[in-house]
């Protein structure tokens, strides 16, 4: 099963948090070829923005490491922006709508994210990194 990895999973894996171990497990499984997690250009931009802002502490180089680990990235193009603009998802901001549209345009119906707002989008299934059973199913596929 191919799934999209939200920026918060990448950031949480890099900083002390209750999500760290679970997020590291997901990223390590992808790095080892045991799981098929994908990242888009918009997700890299979001990680880079958080890195440059300093909001998450010292995570220097995280965007570059993510880019190198997940290249080739899923692109964000005109079709995806149009789909994001048409998305009925009041709880999602612009970036998250782009993530959903990117996933759907690439036949991905699952996003691994700590953001429960994705739960209100019928077309996508969110896997919470802290839910061991859900995480296990994604990593086994």
C-alpha atoms as a PDB file:
ATOM      1  CA  UNK A   1       0.000   0.000   0.000  1.00  0.00           C
ATOM      2  CA  UNK A   2       1.320   3.414  -0.961  1.00  0.00           C
ATOM      3  CA  UNK A   3       0.644   6.226   1.497  1.00  0.00           C
ATOM      4  CA  UNK A   4       1.401   9.926   1.762  1.00  0.00           C
ATOM      5  CA  UNK A   5       3.517  11.098   4.686  1.00  0.00           C
ATOM      6  CA  UNK A   6       2.422  14.425   6.147  1.00  0.00           C
ATOM      7  CA  UNK A   7       5.028  17.024   7.105  1.00  0.00           C
ATOM      8  CA  UNK A   8       4.183  16.655  10.782  1.00  0.00           C
ATOM      9  CA  UNK A   9       5.393  13.036  10.747  1.00  0.00           C
ATOM     10  CA  UNK A  10       8.772  14.172   9.428  1.00  0.00           C
ATOM     11  CA  UNK A  11       9.077  17.005  11.934  1.00  0.00           C
ATOM     12  CA  UNK A  12       7.871  14.915  14.889  1.00  0.00           C
ATOM     13  CA  UNK A  13      10.468  12.264  14.061  1.00  0.00           C
ATOM     14  CA  UNK A  14      13.176  14.919  14.399  1.00  0.00           C
ATOM     15  CA  UNK A  15      12.171  16.532  17.703  1.00  0.00           C
ATOM     16  CA  UNK A  16      11.360  15.288  21.191  1.00  0.00           C
ATOM     17  CA  UNK A  17       7.618  14.568  21.281  1.00  0.00           C
ATOM     18  CA  UNK A  18       5.156  11.823  22.148  1.00  0.00           C
ATOM     19  CA  UNK A  19       5.048  11.071  18.401  1.00  0.00           C
ATOM     20  CA  UNK A  20       8.788  10.700  17.905  1.00  0.00           C
ATOM     21  CA  UNK A  21       9.211   6.921  18.206  1.00  0.00           C
ATOM     22  CA  UNK A  22       6.157   6.109  16.092  1.00  0.00           C
ATOM     23  CA  UNK A  23       7.143   8.608  13.395  1.00  0.00           C
ATOM     24  CA  UNK A  24      10.716   7.306  13.354  1.00  0.00           C
ATOM     25  CA  UNK A  25       9.386   3.764  12.922  1.00  0.00           C
ATOM     26  CA  UNK A  26       7.407   4.863   9.861  1.00  0.00           C
ATOM     27  CA  UNK A  27      10.286   6.773   8.271  1.00  0.00           C
ATOM     28  CA  UNK A  28      12.750   3.950   8.964  1.00  0.00           C
ATOM     29  CA  UNK A  29      10.400   1.408   7.366  1.00  0.00           C
ATOM     30  CA  UNK A  30      10.223   3.555   4.234  1.00  0.00           C
ATOM     31  CA  UNK A  31      14.003   4.075   4.186  1.00  0.00           C
ATOM     32  CA  UNK A  32      14.546   0.306   4.483  1.00  0.00           C
ATOM     33  CA  UNK A  33      12.096  -0.384   1.642  1.00  0.00           C
ATOM     34  CA  UNK A  34       9.623  -2.114   3.978  1.00  0.00           C
ATOM     35  CA  UNK A  35       6.876   0.462   3.370  1.00  0.00           C
ATOM     36  CA  UNK A  36       5.881   2.662   0.434  1.00  0.00           C
ATOM     37  CA  UNK A  37       5.562   6.164   1.849  1.00  0.00           C
ATOM     38  CA  UNK A  38       5.670   9.126  -0.508  1.00  0.00           C
ATOM     39  CA  UNK A  39       6.249  12.854  -0.085  1.00  0.00           C
ATOM     40  CA  UNK A  40       5.301  15.753  -2.375  1.00  0.00           C
ATOM     41  CA  UNK A  41       7.010  19.006  -3.221  1.00  0.00           C
ATOM     42  CA  UNK A  42       4.432  20.767  -1.020  1.00  0.00           C
ATOM     43  CA  UNK A  43       5.336  18.580   1.948  1.00  0.00           C
ATOM     44  CA  UNK A  44       9.032  19.378   1.496  1.00  0.00           C
ATOM     45  CA  UNK A  45       8.145  23.084   1.357  1.00  0.00           C
ATOM     46  CA  UNK A  46       6.166  22.763   4.588  1.00  0.00           C
ATOM     47  CA  UNK A  47       9.053  20.990   6.363  1.00  0.00           C
ATOM     48  CA  UNK A  48      11.471  23.612   5.036  1.00  0.00           C
ATOM     49  CA  UNK A  49       9.212  26.436   6.239  1.00  0.00           C
ATOM     50  CA  UNK A  50       9.108  24.940   9.748  1.00  0.00           C
ATOM     51  CA  UNK A  51      12.876  24.422   9.663  1.00  0.00           C
ATOM     52  CA  UNK A  52      13.598  28.015   8.617  1.00  0.00           C
ATOM     53  CA  UNK A  53      11.110  29.469  11.110  1.00  0.00           C
ATOM     54  CA  UNK A  54      12.818  27.821  14.065  1.00  0.00           C
ATOM     55  CA  UNK A  55       9.395  26.841  15.481  1.00  0.00           C
ATOM     56  CA  UNK A  56      10.468  23.244  16.016  1.00  0.00           C
ATOM     57  CA  UNK A  57      13.909  24.020  17.400  1.00  0.00           C
ATOM     58  CA  UNK A  58      17.180  23.028  15.796  1.00  0.00           C
ATOM     59  CA  UNK A  59      16.211  20.862  12.833  1.00  0.00           C
ATOM     60  CA  UNK A  60      18.765  22.295  10.419  1.00  0.00           C
ATOM     61  CA  UNK A  61      18.999  20.271   7.227  1.00  0.00           C
ATOM     62  CA  UNK A  62      15.745  18.356   7.749  1.00  0.00           C
ATOM     63  CA  UNK A  63      14.202  19.547   4.470  1.00  0.00           C
ATOM     64  CA  UNK A  64      17.303  18.528   2.503  1.00  0.00           C
ATOM     65  CA  UNK A  65      17.477  15.132   4.242  1.00  0.00           C
ATOM     66  CA  UNK A  66      13.799  14.568   3.486  1.00  0.00           C
ATOM     67  CA  UNK A  67      14.261  15.577  -0.141  1.00  0.00           C
ATOM     68  CA  UNK A  68      17.188  13.187  -0.562  1.00  0.00           C
ATOM     69  CA  UNK A  69      15.364  10.330   1.163  1.00  0.00           C
ATOM     70  CA  UNK A  70      12.095  10.685  -0.765  1.00  0.00           C
ATOM     71  CA  UNK A  71      13.205  11.824  -4.209  1.00  0.00           C
ATOM     72  CA  UNK A  72      11.577  11.579  -6.687  1.00  0.00           C
ATOM     73  CA  UNK A  73       8.877  13.667  -5.070  1.00  0.00           C
ATOM     74  CA  UNK A  74       5.235  13.686  -6.043  1.00  0.00           C
ATOM     75  CA  UNK A  75       4.757  16.879  -8.066  1.00  0.00           C
ATOM     76  CA  UNK A  76       2.235  19.609  -7.421  1.00  0.00           C
ATOM     77  CA  UNK A  77       0.934  20.923 -10.746  1.00  0.00           C
ATOM     78  CA  UNK A  78      -2.010  22.901 -12.148  1.00  0.00           C
ATOM     79  CA  UNK A  79      -4.319  19.875 -12.012  1.00  0.00           C
ATOM     80  CA  UNK A  80      -3.579  19.322  -8.328  1.00  0.00           C
ATOM     81  CA  UNK A  81      -4.043  22.988  -7.422  1.00  0.00           C
ATOM     82  CA  UNK A  82      -7.393  22.988  -9.249  1.00  0.00           C
ATOM     83  CA  UNK A  83      -8.449  19.834  -7.448  1.00  0.00           C
ATOM     84  CA  UNK A  84      -7.379  21.329  -4.093  1.00  0.00           C
ATOM     85  CA  UNK A  85      -9.387  24.482  -4.785  1.00  0.00           C
ATOM     86  CA  UNK A  86     -12.468  22.351  -5.503  1.00  0.00           C
ATOM     87  CA  UNK A  87     -12.050  20.164  -2.423  1.00  0.00           C
ATOM     88  CA  UNK A  88     -14.903  20.328   0.082  1.00  0.00           C
ATOM     89  CA  UNK A  89     -12.934  20.247   3.326  1.00  0.00           C
ATOM     90  CA  UNK A  90     -13.691  23.194   5.575  1.00  0.00           C
ATOM     91  CA  UNK A  91     -11.371  22.082   8.364  1.00  0.00           C
ATOM     92  CA  UNK A  92      -8.309  21.880   6.115  1.00  0.00           C
ATOM     93  CA  UNK A  93      -6.014  24.753   5.291  1.00  0.00           C
ATOM     94  CA  UNK A  94      -4.469  25.327   1.873  1.00  0.00           C
ATOM     95  CA  UNK A  95      -1.425  23.069   2.351  1.00  0.00           C
ATOM     96  CA  UNK A  96      -3.490  20.169   3.651  1.00  0.00           C
ATOM     97  CA  UNK A  97      -5.932  20.503   0.745  1.00  0.00           C
ATOM     98  CA  UNK A  98      -2.963  20.334  -1.621  1.00  0.00           C
ATOM     99  CA  UNK A  99      -1.759  17.192   0.185  1.00  0.00           C
ATOM    100  CA  UNK A 100      -5.168  15.531  -0.252  1.00  0.00           C
ATOM    101  CA  UNK A 101      -5.367  16.525  -3.922  1.00  0.00           C
ATOM    102  CA  UNK A 102      -1.822  15.265  -4.515  1.00  0.00           C
ATOM    103  CA  UNK A 103      -2.615  11.936  -2.899  1.00  0.00           C
ATOM    104  CA  UNK A 104      -5.824  11.464  -4.869  1.00  0.00           C
ATOM    105  CA  UNK A 105      -4.173  12.455  -8.170  1.00  0.00           C
ATOM    106  CA  UNK A 106      -1.608   9.712  -7.528  1.00  0.00           C
ATOM    107  CA  UNK A 107      -4.176   7.042  -6.562  1.00  0.00           C
ATOM    108  CA  UNK A 108      -3.156   7.243  -2.903  1.00  0.00           C
ATOM    109  CA  UNK A 109      -6.047   7.017  -0.453  1.00  0.00           C
ATOM    110  CA  UNK A 110      -4.094   6.989   2.818  1.00  0.00           C
ATOM    111  CA  UNK A 111      -2.185   9.728   4.616  1.00  0.00           C
ATOM    112  CA  UNK A 112      -0.096   9.161   7.724  1.00  0.00           C
ATOM    113  CA  UNK A 113      -0.589  12.269   9.838  1.00  0.00           C
ATOM    114  CA  UNK A 114      -1.031  13.451  13.406  1.00  0.00           C
ATOM    115  CA  UNK A 115      -3.604  15.960  12.093  1.00  0.00           C
ATOM    116  CA  UNK A 116      -7.113  14.703  12.904  1.00  0.00           C
ATOM    117  CA  UNK A 117      -8.652  17.247  10.502  1.00  0.00           C
ATOM    118  CA  UNK A 118      -7.951  14.749   7.701  1.00  0.00           C
ATOM    119  CA  UNK A 119     -10.543  12.469   9.351  1.00  0.00           C
ATOM    120  CA  UNK A 120     -13.267  14.733   7.953  1.00  0.00           C
ATOM    121  CA  UNK A 121     -12.280  14.143   4.314  1.00  0.00           C
ATOM    122  CA  UNK A 122     -14.241  11.118   3.046  1.00  0.00           C
ATOM    123  CA  UNK A 123     -11.916  10.459   0.099  1.00  0.00           C
ATOM    124  CA  UNK A 124      -8.845   9.923   2.284  1.00  0.00           C
ATOM    125  CA  UNK A 125      -8.068   7.616   5.191  1.00  0.00           C
ATOM    126  CA  UNK A 126      -5.823   9.010   7.911  1.00  0.00           C
ATOM    127  CA  UNK A 127      -3.485   6.799   9.874  1.00  0.00           C
ATOM    128  CA  UNK A 128      -2.537   8.304  13.217  1.00  0.00           C
ATOM    129  CA  UNK A 129       1.133   7.518  13.915  1.00  0.00           C
ATOM    130  CA  UNK A 130       0.258   6.793  17.568  1.00  0.00           C
ATOM    131  CA  UNK A 131      -2.319   4.133  16.654  1.00  0.00           C
ATOM    132  CA  UNK A 132      -0.164   0.996  16.757  1.00  0.00           C
ATOM    133  CA  UNK A 133      -2.719  -1.193  14.962  1.00  0.00           C
ATOM    134  CA  UNK A 134      -3.205   1.275  12.089  1.00  0.00           C
ATOM    135  CA  UNK A 135       0.539   1.912  11.869  1.00  0.00           C
ATOM    136  CA  UNK A 136       1.239  -1.810  11.728  1.00  0.00           C
ATOM    137  CA  UNK A 137      -1.247  -2.332   8.866  1.00  0.00           C
ATOM    138  CA  UNK A 138       0.356   0.450   6.818  1.00  0.00           C
ATOM    139  CA  UNK A 139       3.870  -0.791   7.466  1.00  0.00           C
ATOM    140  CA  UNK A 140       2.998  -4.405   6.598  1.00  0.00           C
ATOM    141  CA  UNK A 141       1.442  -3.616   3.240  1.00  0.00           C
END
